[in-house]
Structure formats: structure tokens, C-alpha cells
Amino acid sequence: MIQIRSAEILCVGTELLLGDIVNTDAAFLSRRLAALGINQYYQSVVGDNPARLEEMLTLALGRSDLVILTGGLGPTYDDLTKETAARLMGRSMYMHQESLDRLIARINRYGFAITENNKKQAMMPEGAVVFKNNYGTAPGLAIEDEEKGKIVILLPGPPRELEPMFTEEVEPYLKKFSDHILYSRCVNIFGMGESKVEDILRPMMLASTNPTIAPYAKDGEVLLRVTASGKTEDECRALCDRVIEKICATEVGGFVYGVDAGSLEGALVSELIARHLTVASAESCTGGYVSKRITNVSGASEVLEGSIVTYANRVKEQFVHVSHETLEAHGAVSRETAVEMARGVRELFGADVGISTTGIAGPGGGTPEKPVGLVYVAVSTKDGEDVRELRIGNGLATREYVRYVSASNALDLARRAVLKL
């Protein structure tokens, strides 16, 4: 039995190198390999060139037990992945009758006749394990070399074909080569930077071997991936949960907004639904970003009452009742205006929680007193108001980054307010 200690992904296609297509195949396969307990150390992309493909496949097989190739299984002259892999593995090609019959039936269903180049997709290397494609015309396949302890798997490039084929055909095939699984849980952190998180948890990270703890930085957030190895999902989950409990007992715990929460907006919507509460937002510099992110979450219709973009001062006064005196005395970008916006939108829509944002997203519009990146986010509930002053990027951040991080802070402030209700 071949033992798979490491795997490698090799994606084939000149369109990937040119940036015409985003390589989502590699991300999908990486997740699935991890879930199967198969370690992956390398990923590569190569164009539709047989010589370079053979060079890259030779390199991959020299350092990995399993190589998964995607793309290049089509009917055209430049789709040569299968032929190149067969040649390198010392296999001749033959017509796989079952694949040909499926191919003819599929093409006939569309009212076309099969062409000679279509038949190329039914040609297989001798001894290959063939994976059915119920979503396209190109079958997948695996070539095993027992003597060298190597496996090459070839899959079609289009994600709508590759993903279900991997789940339905390849995963069951690969499970027989692994006696354990990897299972991960994600600790979502907001309000504490990656370096601070790492400084606090470094001793725990170094001491933890199973599970392992790995930090990842996102825009304004940190994600800790806790990954355990074991025989079953229940065993791995228990290992992860013990470590997560220790993480939450540290200073980091005060900034954890969820485990496997996915996003701040997802965490907020979940808390609102659980408490049967509603929310509304008044936004200036974020221009609807807060409500957009809330409505990205399934179930948002249960909790979002409404949203209004109050960009102009006149609109702030007319619709969410920011007083003229407040705007005159403190300006639109101020702690006082943010609080009145949050209170006003809560009352306007009759929501339990009101959220507001006002600031200078840039790149222009800043002053020495109120620079680009100065943003106030506020929240209002029946129990009172809270406001957070942000200074994002020291005037160097992009407009999009300022808006995104501002919305994240607004969502986090709202989540914390909901927990107190």
C-alpha cells in the first residue's frame, strides 16, 4: 500500500499565469487535503507547455508522494496534461470504453455528434483509476506507481466539475491511503493586533504540537487556526476545544468574537437572532458598508430593520435628527455627531440597536485637526450609547481599507452592546 506523507498541487493553464482566471482550485484542494489529514508543502502553476509541465511534474514527484494536477484535460490540441503525465509515469494510452460511452451519451443529450477530438478525452493511461465526471465531459484519473510509492491524480480545471468530482470520487479513493484526519477550528479575534496576540500566546504556540496553533492576519482582524490530528472528528474536536478554552482564558479572550464565526457580521447577526433583537444603521463615510455586510449573512432579514446613508449634513439633521448645534460646534466628523446619528437611526426605524459611522475616508478631505483615517463609530441602545474613535492607517491607508475597518469596528461595537442587553 502506498503511504501518502505529503501532497503537492500543480495547476495547469496559461490563463492562470496571465491572471485571466483566478486559481480557486488550489484553495479548494488545500482545504480538502487538510481535512483528509494529508500534509501539503508545495503548490505550483505551469502553462500549457508539455516540456515545462513534465519538468514541474518531475520536480513534484521527487519531493511529494501525491501530486494533484488540475486543468489540461480538454479536447483541444494544447490540452496535454494527461499525455504528459502518462509518458512520465511510463504508461501507454488506450481508449477507455466506459468513458467514451458516457461522453457520447452526454454530447448526444445536447443534440450534437461526437467529434474525433472529443474522443481524446476518453483516452486513458494503462492501469489508471478513472473518476467519473457527472458535471462535464473530461473524466479524472489516478495513476499509481507502487514501486516508487507515488500517485498522480488528474482533475478537470473548471471548479464546477473539479469540486463535486473530488468530493464524490477522489475523497473516497484517497481515504484508504490515510489512517488519520486533520480537523481545524478557527478562533476569530478583533481589536488586538497579530503581534500582540502572538506575544501573549507564543509559549502556548511553541508548546502545542497536537493541536497546533497558527495565527493569520486579516484586514483589522486576527484568526487563530487550531488544528488537531486524530482518528475521528470527535477526538480532534475535543483536543481543539481544550486548547481554545486555554486561549480564551488569556488576555486574548477579551477580543475573541467567536469560534468558527466566519465574520464579525455573522457573529452580530447570530447574537441578534438569539436575543430576538433588531438593528439599524446610519452611515456617512462607509456609505452603506455596514448594512451591506450585515445583509451578506443569511438570516439578516430577521434582524435588520433598515439603513440610511446620511452623507450630507442636511440629511443627518432631517432624517436622524442630528442637531444643527452639534454640527456647528463639533462638525460632522465628531464623537457627538456619531452618537446622535446612532440614537436617531435607532428611533427612526424602531430598532433595538442603532449603529453609526462618520469620518474621513480619504484620500482627500483631511486637515491637521481631522486627518484622513479619523472615524467615529457609535452604537445606541435603550441602555445608553457608546462611541469609538479610530485613527486608521496614519493617513496612508487606502479609502477602501478605511471604510472596511470602520465598518468592522462598528459591527464589533454593536456586537458588544448586544451582549449586554
Protein backbone atom coordinates (compact mmCIF):
# COMPACT_ATOMS: atom_id res chain seq x y z
CA MET A 1 0.00 0.00 0.00
CA ILE A 2 1.33 3.42 -0.95
CA GLN A 3 1.81 5.71 2.04
CA ILE A 4 0.98 9.37 1.45
CA ARG A 5 3.13 11.52 3.71
CA SER A 6 2.93 14.68 1.63
CA ALA A 7 1.00 16.06 -1.31
CA GLU A 8 1.54 18.77 -3.91
CA ILE A 9 -0.86 20.68 -6.14
CA LEU A 10 0.16 21.53 -9.70
CA CYS A 11 -2.33 23.67 -11.62
CA VAL A 12 -2.01 23.71 -15.39
CA GLY A 13 -3.11 26.54 -17.65
CA THR A 14 -1.55 29.55 -19.33
CA GLU A 15 -4.69 31.51 -18.45
CA LEU A 16 -3.77 31.13 -14.77
CA LEU A 17 -0.29 32.57 -15.36
CA LEU A 18 -1.78 35.51 -17.25
CA GLY A 19 -4.24 36.24 -14.49
CA ASP A 20 -7.25 35.75 -16.74
CA ILE A 21 -8.67 33.18 -14.30
CA VAL A 22 -8.39 33.20 -10.51
CA ASN A 23 -6.96 29.92 -9.24
CA THR A 24 -9.71 28.78 -6.86
CA ASP A 25 -8.92 25.09 -7.48
CA ALA A 26 -5.78 25.21 -5.34
CA ALA A 27 -7.63 26.77 -2.39
CA PHE A 28 -10.40 24.16 -2.56
CA LEU A 29 -8.00 21.24 -2.84
CA SER A 30 -5.85 22.55 0.01
CA ARG A 31 -8.84 22.60 2.33
CA ARG A 32 -9.95 19.15 1.35
CA LEU A 33 -6.47 17.62 1.67
CA ALA A 34 -6.13 19.11 5.14
CA ALA A 35 -9.46 17.59 6.14
CA LEU A 36 -8.19 14.21 4.96
CA GLY A 37 -5.07 14.53 7.11
CA ILE A 38 -2.78 14.83 4.10
CA ASN A 39 0.03 17.35 4.52
CA GLN A 40 0.71 19.70 1.64
CA TYR A 41 4.00 21.59 1.34
CA TYR A 42 4.07 22.92 -2.22
CA GLN A 43 1.81 24.46 -4.87
CA SER A 44 2.78 25.42 -8.41
CA VAL A 45 1.25 26.78 -11.61
CA VAL A 46 2.57 25.95 -15.07
CA GLY A 47 1.41 26.93 -18.53
CA ASP A 48 0.15 24.67 -21.32
CA ASN A 49 3.61 23.58 -22.40
CA PRO A 50 4.47 19.84 -22.35
CA ALA A 51 8.20 20.30 -21.66
CA ARG A 52 7.67 22.70 -18.75
CA LEU A 53 4.80 20.59 -17.43
CA GLU A 54 6.99 17.48 -17.45
CA GLU A 55 9.76 19.40 -15.71
CA MET A 56 7.41 20.59 -12.97
CA LEU A 57 5.77 17.18 -12.53
CA THR A 58 9.18 15.51 -12.26
CA LEU A 59 10.16 18.01 -9.56
CA ALA A 60 6.88 17.47 -7.71
CA LEU A 61 7.18 13.69 -7.75
CA GLY A 62 10.72 13.97 -6.44
CA ARG A 63 9.53 15.62 -3.22
CA SER A 64 5.90 14.53 -2.74
CA ASP A 65 4.09 11.19 -2.62
CA LEU A 66 0.88 12.56 -4.13
CA VAL A 67 0.67 15.13 -6.91
CA ILE A 68 -2.72 16.50 -7.95
CA LEU A 69 -2.86 18.23 -11.33
CA THR A 70 -5.77 20.38 -12.44
CA GLY A 71 -6.61 21.51 -15.97
CA GLY A 72 -5.45 20.49 -19.41
CA LEU A 73 -7.90 17.59 -19.86
CA GLY A 74 -9.95 19.20 -22.62
CA PRO A 75 -10.33 18.07 -26.25
CA THR A 76 -8.12 20.71 -27.89
CA TYR A 77 -4.54 20.29 -29.11
CA ASP A 78 -2.99 22.21 -26.20
CA ASP A 79 -4.69 20.07 -23.52
CA LEU A 80 -1.78 17.72 -22.92
CA THR A 81 -1.74 17.12 -19.16
CA LYS A 82 -2.90 13.52 -19.42
CA GLU A 83 -0.47 12.62 -22.18
CA THR A 84 2.45 14.24 -20.39
CA ALA A 85 1.71 12.51 -17.09
CA ALA A 86 1.28 9.14 -18.81
CA ARG A 87 4.61 9.49 -20.59
CA LEU A 88 6.42 10.45 -17.41
CA MET A 89 4.86 7.55 -15.49
CA GLY A 90 5.76 5.12 -18.29
CA ARG A 91 2.19 4.34 -19.35
CA SER A 92 0.76 3.95 -22.83
CA MET A 93 -2.64 5.38 -23.74
CA TYR A 94 -5.75 3.38 -24.64
CA MET A 95 -9.40 4.09 -25.33
CA HIS A 96 -11.40 3.66 -22.11
CA GLN A 97 -14.70 2.38 -23.44
CA GLU A 98 -16.83 3.29 -20.41
CA SER A 99 -15.61 6.90 -20.57
CA LEU A 100 -16.25 7.01 -24.31
CA ASP A 101 -19.79 5.70 -23.87
CA ARG A 102 -20.51 8.30 -21.17
CA LEU A 103 -19.02 11.02 -23.34
CA ILE A 104 -21.12 10.08 -26.38
CA ALA A 105 -24.29 9.93 -24.29
CA ARG A 106 -23.60 13.33 -22.74
CA ILE A 107 -22.86 15.02 -26.08
CA ASN A 108 -25.90 13.41 -27.71
CA ARG A 109 -28.13 14.83 -24.97
CA TYR A 110 -27.18 18.28 -26.21
CA GLY A 111 -28.12 17.32 -29.77
CA PHE A 112 -24.53 17.17 -31.09
CA ALA A 113 -22.48 14.43 -32.68
CA ILE A 114 -19.16 13.44 -31.14
CA THR A 115 -16.04 14.64 -32.97
CA GLU A 116 -12.63 12.98 -33.14
CA ASN A 117 -11.06 15.49 -30.80
CA ASN A 118 -13.86 14.84 -28.28
CA LYS A 119 -12.77 11.19 -28.19
CA LYS A 120 -9.38 12.33 -26.93
CA GLN A 121 -10.98 12.91 -23.53
CA ALA A 122 -11.79 9.20 -23.23
CA MET A 123 -8.19 8.13 -23.81
CA MET A 124 -6.61 6.89 -20.56
CA PRO A 125 -3.18 5.75 -19.36
CA GLU A 126 -2.91 1.99 -18.93
CA GLY A 127 -3.81 0.91 -15.39
CA ALA A 128 -5.31 4.25 -14.37
CA VAL A 129 -8.15 4.54 -11.86
CA VAL A 130 -10.83 6.52 -13.69
CA PHE A 131 -13.08 9.04 -11.89
CA LYS A 132 -16.48 9.72 -13.44
CA ASN A 133 -17.35 13.29 -14.33
CA ASN A 134 -21.07 13.87 -13.84
CA TYR A 135 -20.69 17.60 -14.45
CA GLY A 136 -18.66 17.81 -17.65
CA THR A 137 -17.00 15.81 -20.39
CA ALA A 138 -13.47 15.21 -19.06
CA PRO A 139 -13.06 12.25 -16.67
CA GLY A 140 -10.49 12.45 -13.89
CA LEU A 141 -7.96 9.74 -13.16
CA ALA A 142 -5.25 8.47 -10.84
CA ILE A 143 -2.00 6.77 -11.82
CA GLU A 144 -0.38 4.71 -9.07
CA ASP A 145 3.27 3.65 -9.00
CA GLU A 146 3.54 1.07 -6.23
CA GLU A 147 7.27 0.58 -6.73
CA LYS A 148 8.11 4.24 -6.24
CA GLY A 149 5.28 4.90 -3.79
CA LYS A 150 3.81 7.72 -5.90
CA ILE A 151 0.32 8.73 -7.03
CA VAL A 152 -0.58 11.28 -9.70
CA ILE A 153 -4.20 12.47 -9.81
CA LEU A 154 -5.52 14.46 -12.77
CA LEU A 155 -8.69 16.54 -12.50
CA PRO A 156 -10.52 18.92 -14.86
CA GLY A 157 -9.89 22.62 -14.28
CA PRO A 158 -13.40 24.14 -14.12
CA PRO A 159 -14.39 24.36 -10.42
CA ARG A 160 -17.98 23.32 -11.15
CA GLU A 161 -16.54 19.99 -12.35
CA LEU A 162 -13.50 19.60 -10.12
CA GLU A 163 -15.17 20.26 -6.77
CA PRO A 164 -18.01 17.71 -6.96
CA MET A 165 -15.72 15.16 -8.63
CA PHE A 166 -13.22 15.47 -5.79
CA THR A 167 -15.93 15.16 -3.15
CA GLU A 168 -17.76 12.25 -4.78
CA GLU A 169 -14.93 10.27 -6.38
CA VAL A 170 -11.46 11.32 -5.21
CA GLU A 171 -12.03 11.67 -1.46
CA PRO A 172 -13.27 8.08 -1.04
CA TYR A 173 -10.29 6.93 -3.12
CA LEU A 174 -7.75 8.85 -1.00
CA LYS A 175 -9.17 7.81 2.37
CA LYS A 176 -7.74 4.34 2.00
CA PHE A 177 -4.23 5.82 2.00
CA SER A 178 -4.61 7.71 5.30
CA ASP A 179 -5.19 6.43 8.82
CA HIS A 180 -5.94 9.81 10.41
CA ILE A 181 -7.64 13.12 9.75
CA LEU A 182 -6.84 16.76 10.40
CA TYR A 183 -9.54 18.91 11.97
CA SER A 184 -9.39 22.66 12.47
CA ARG A 185 -11.32 25.25 14.44
CA CYS A 186 -10.89 28.98 13.90
CA VAL A 187 -10.74 31.48 16.76
CA ASN A 188 -11.87 34.89 15.50
CA ILE A 189 -10.21 37.92 17.12
CA PHE A 190 -10.91 41.62 16.63
CA GLY A 191 -9.32 44.60 18.34
CA MET A 192 -5.91 43.08 19.10
CA GLY A 193 -3.10 43.04 16.54
CA GLU A 194 -1.33 39.91 15.31
CA SER A 195 1.97 40.80 17.01
CA LYS A 196 0.25 41.29 20.39
CA VAL A 197 -1.70 38.04 20.02
CA GLU A 198 1.49 36.18 19.11
CA ASP A 199 3.39 37.75 22.02
CA ILE A 200 0.76 36.60 24.53
CA LEU A 201 0.26 33.13 23.09
CA ARG A 202 3.82 32.39 21.96
CA PRO A 203 4.63 29.98 24.84
CA MET A 204 1.37 28.12 24.19
CA MET A 205 2.04 28.02 20.43
CA LEU A 206 5.54 26.60 20.92
CA ALA A 207 4.34 24.00 23.44
CA SER A 208 1.35 22.83 21.40
CA THR A 209 2.09 20.04 18.93
CA ASN A 210 -1.32 18.42 18.73
CA PRO A 211 -3.27 20.59 18.29
CA THR A 212 -1.11 23.21 16.64
CA ILE A 213 -1.92 26.93 16.86
CA ALA A 214 -1.25 29.18 13.86
CA PRO A 215 -2.06 32.91 13.62
CA TYR A 216 -3.24 34.57 10.39
CA ALA A 217 -3.70 38.31 9.88
CA LYS A 218 -6.75 39.66 8.06
CA ASP A 219 -7.84 43.26 7.47
CA GLY A 220 -8.15 44.55 11.02
CA GLU A 221 -8.54 41.03 12.40
CA VAL A 222 -6.56 38.01 13.54
CA LEU A 223 -7.58 34.40 13.02
CA LEU A 224 -6.10 31.56 15.07
CA ARG A 225 -6.33 28.20 13.38
CA VAL A 226 -6.25 25.38 15.92
CA THR A 227 -5.59 22.08 14.12
CA ALA A 228 -5.65 18.60 15.65
CA SER A 229 -4.68 15.22 14.24
CA GLY A 230 -6.58 12.10 15.26
CA LYS A 231 -8.58 9.08 14.24
CA THR A 232 -12.02 10.70 14.37
CA GLU A 233 -13.57 14.14 14.17
CA ASP A 234 -14.90 13.84 17.74
CA GLU A 235 -11.41 13.08 19.05
CA CYS A 236 -9.90 16.03 17.17
CA ARG A 237 -12.67 18.41 18.19
CA ALA A 238 -12.14 17.59 21.87
CA LEU A 239 -8.41 18.31 21.51
CA CYS A 240 -9.13 21.64 19.80
CA ASP A 241 -11.74 22.71 22.33
CA ARG A 242 -9.36 22.20 25.26
CA VAL A 243 -6.77 24.46 23.65
CA ILE A 244 -9.38 27.08 22.68
CA GLU A 245 -10.56 27.17 26.31
CA LYS A 246 -6.97 27.95 27.36
CA ILE A 247 -6.68 30.68 24.71
CA CYS A 248 -9.88 32.34 25.88
CA ALA A 249 -8.61 32.29 29.47
CA THR A 250 -5.73 34.61 28.49
CA GLU A 251 -5.83 38.35 27.79
CA VAL A 252 -6.67 37.44 24.18
CA GLY A 253 -10.05 36.10 25.30
CA GLY A 254 -11.48 39.57 25.72
CA PHE A 255 -11.05 40.16 21.99
CA VAL A 256 -12.43 36.83 20.76
CA TYR A 257 -15.71 37.42 18.96
CA GLY A 258 -16.39 33.80 18.10
CA VAL A 259 -15.13 30.36 17.25
CA ASP A 260 -15.78 29.41 13.64
CA ALA A 261 -17.89 32.58 13.50
CA GLY A 262 -16.74 33.33 9.96
CA SER A 263 -17.06 37.11 10.21
CA LEU A 264 -17.95 39.96 12.53
CA GLU A 265 -21.24 40.44 10.72
CA GLY A 266 -22.00 36.75 11.11
CA ALA A 267 -21.31 36.93 14.83
CA LEU A 268 -23.50 40.05 15.20
CA VAL A 269 -26.43 38.55 13.30
CA SER A 270 -26.22 35.35 15.34
CA GLU A 271 -26.33 37.26 18.63
CA LEU A 272 -29.22 39.42 17.45
CA ILE A 273 -31.23 36.39 16.34
CA ALA A 274 -30.53 34.56 19.59
CA ARG A 275 -31.83 37.51 21.61
CA HIS A 276 -34.71 38.43 19.26
CA LEU A 277 -33.27 41.94 18.75
CA THR A 278 -33.15 44.24 15.75
CA VAL A 279 -30.62 46.68 14.34
CA ALA A 280 -30.49 49.74 12.06
CA SER A 281 -27.61 51.80 10.71
CA ALA A 282 -26.89 55.40 9.71
CA GLU A 283 -23.69 55.66 7.68
CA SER A 284 -21.66 58.51 6.34
CA CYS A 285 -18.07 57.60 5.35
CA THR A 286 -18.86 53.88 4.98
CA GLY A 287 -21.67 54.60 2.52
CA GLY A 288 -23.76 51.53 3.38
CA TYR A 289 -20.85 49.16 4.03
CA VAL A 290 -22.15 48.17 7.48
CA SER A 291 -25.61 47.23 6.21
CA LYS A 292 -24.11 45.51 3.16
CA ARG A 293 -22.03 43.26 5.37
CA ILE A 294 -24.99 42.50 7.61
CA THR A 295 -27.11 41.54 4.59
CA ASN A 296 -24.31 39.25 3.40
CA VAL A 297 -25.36 36.97 6.24
CA SER A 298 -28.22 34.53 5.81
CA GLY A 299 -30.91 35.40 8.33
CA ALA A 300 -30.24 39.15 8.20
CA SER A 301 -33.88 39.76 7.28
CA GLU A 302 -34.82 38.69 10.82
CA VAL A 303 -32.76 41.43 12.45
CA LEU A 304 -32.09 44.36 10.09
CA GLU A 305 -34.86 46.96 10.22
CA GLY A 306 -33.29 49.42 7.80
CA SER A 307 -30.32 51.54 6.85
CA ILE A 308 -29.73 55.09 5.64
CA VAL A 309 -26.68 56.78 4.14
CA THR A 310 -26.57 60.24 5.72
CA TYR A 311 -23.70 61.74 3.75
CA ALA A 312 -24.84 65.38 3.72
CA ASN A 313 -25.25 67.34 6.93
CA ARG A 314 -28.75 68.32 5.81
CA VAL A 315 -29.67 64.63 5.66
CA LYS A 316 -28.15 63.99 9.07
CA GLU A 317 -30.35 66.70 10.50
CA GLN A 318 -33.54 65.85 8.62
CA PHE A 319 -33.65 62.06 8.93
CA VAL A 320 -31.69 61.02 12.01
CA HIS A 321 -32.12 64.29 13.90
CA VAL A 322 -28.53 65.29 14.49
CA SER A 323 -28.91 68.77 15.93
CA HIS A 324 -27.76 71.77 13.94
CA GLU A 325 -25.95 73.00 17.03
CA THR A 326 -23.94 69.76 17.27
CA LEU A 327 -22.86 70.01 13.65
CA GLU A 328 -21.94 73.66 14.03
CA ALA A 329 -20.00 73.16 17.26
CA HIS A 330 -18.27 69.83 16.58
CA GLY A 331 -18.58 69.11 12.87
CA ALA A 332 -19.88 66.07 11.02
CA VAL A 333 -16.80 64.05 11.94
CA SER A 334 -17.07 64.05 15.70
CA ARG A 335 -17.90 61.91 18.67
CA GLU A 336 -21.05 63.92 19.34
CA THR A 337 -22.40 63.59 15.80
CA ALA A 338 -21.77 59.84 15.74
CA VAL A 339 -23.73 59.35 18.96
CA GLU A 340 -26.69 61.40 17.74
CA MET A 341 -26.69 59.52 14.42
CA ALA A 342 -26.82 56.16 16.21
CA ARG A 343 -29.58 57.31 18.52
CA GLY A 344 -31.53 58.90 15.69
CA VAL A 345 -31.45 55.89 13.39
CA ARG A 346 -32.50 53.58 16.23
CA GLU A 347 -35.51 55.78 16.85
CA LEU A 348 -36.22 56.28 13.13
CA PHE A 349 -36.56 52.55 12.46
CA GLY A 350 -37.73 51.47 15.90
CA ALA A 351 -34.75 49.14 16.28
CA ASP A 352 -33.19 47.82 19.46
CA VAL A 353 -29.69 48.78 18.33
CA GLY A 354 -28.59 51.78 16.28
CA ILE A 355 -25.19 51.89 14.55
CA SER A 356 -23.47 54.90 13.03
CA THR A 357 -20.26 55.77 11.20
CA THR A 358 -18.84 59.17 10.31
CA GLY A 359 -15.30 60.04 9.28
CA ILE A 360 -12.79 60.93 6.60
CA ALA A 361 -12.07 58.01 4.27
CA GLY A 362 -9.70 59.96 2.02
CA PRO A 363 -7.59 60.27 0.07
CA GLY A 364 -8.58 63.94 0.27
CA GLY A 365 -10.57 65.96 2.77
CA GLY A 366 -8.28 65.67 5.76
CA THR A 367 -6.93 68.51 7.89
CA PRO A 368 -4.24 68.62 10.59
CA GLU A 369 -7.00 68.55 13.22
CA LYS A 370 -9.05 65.88 11.45
CA PRO A 371 -6.74 63.78 9.27
CA VAL A 372 -7.67 61.13 6.74
CA GLY A 373 -8.48 57.95 8.64
CA LEU A 374 -10.18 59.70 11.54
CA VAL A 375 -13.51 57.91 12.01
CA TYR A 376 -16.08 57.73 14.78
CA VAL A 377 -18.37 54.73 15.11
CA ALA A 378 -21.17 54.68 17.65
CA VAL A 379 -23.90 52.44 18.94
CA SER A 380 -27.14 53.27 20.72
CA THR A 381 -29.46 51.03 22.74
CA LYS A 382 -32.16 51.62 25.35
CA ASP A 383 -29.42 51.37 27.97
CA GLY A 384 -27.27 54.14 26.51
CA GLU A 385 -24.64 54.95 23.89
CA ASP A 386 -21.03 54.07 23.21
CA VAL A 387 -18.60 55.57 20.72
CA ARG A 388 -15.19 54.55 19.42
CA GLU A 389 -12.63 56.91 17.90
CA LEU A 390 -10.48 55.37 15.17
CA ARG A 391 -7.32 56.65 13.54
CA ILE A 392 -6.80 54.24 10.68
CA GLY A 393 -3.55 53.99 8.77
CA ASN A 394 -1.99 57.31 9.87
CA GLY A 395 -3.31 58.91 6.70
CA LEU A 396 -1.62 56.30 4.49
CA ALA A 397 -4.39 53.70 4.20
CA THR A 398 -6.50 53.40 1.07
CA ARG A 399 -10.07 54.68 1.03
CA GLU A 400 -11.36 51.09 0.77
CA TYR A 401 -9.31 49.96 3.78
CA VAL A 402 -10.53 52.88 5.92
CA ARG A 403 -14.13 52.11 5.04
CA TYR A 404 -13.76 48.37 5.63
CA VAL A 405 -12.04 48.69 9.01
CA SER A 406 -14.52 51.37 10.06
CA ALA A 407 -17.40 49.02 9.27
CA SER A 408 -15.65 46.22 11.18
CA ASN A 409 -15.33 48.40 14.26
CA ALA A 410 -18.98 49.41 14.02
CA LEU A 411 -20.04 45.77 13.81
CA ASP A 412 -17.83 44.85 16.76
CA LEU A 413 -19.12 47.73 18.87
CA ALA A 414 -22.68 46.68 18.08
CA ARG A 415 -21.93 43.05 18.94
CA ARG A 416 -20.53 44.04 22.32
CA ALA A 417 -23.59 46.22 23.01
CA VAL A 418 -25.94 43.35 22.12
CA LEU A 419 -24.19 41.05 24.61
CA LYS A 420 -25.14 43.47 27.39
CA LEU A 421 -28.85 43.59 26.51
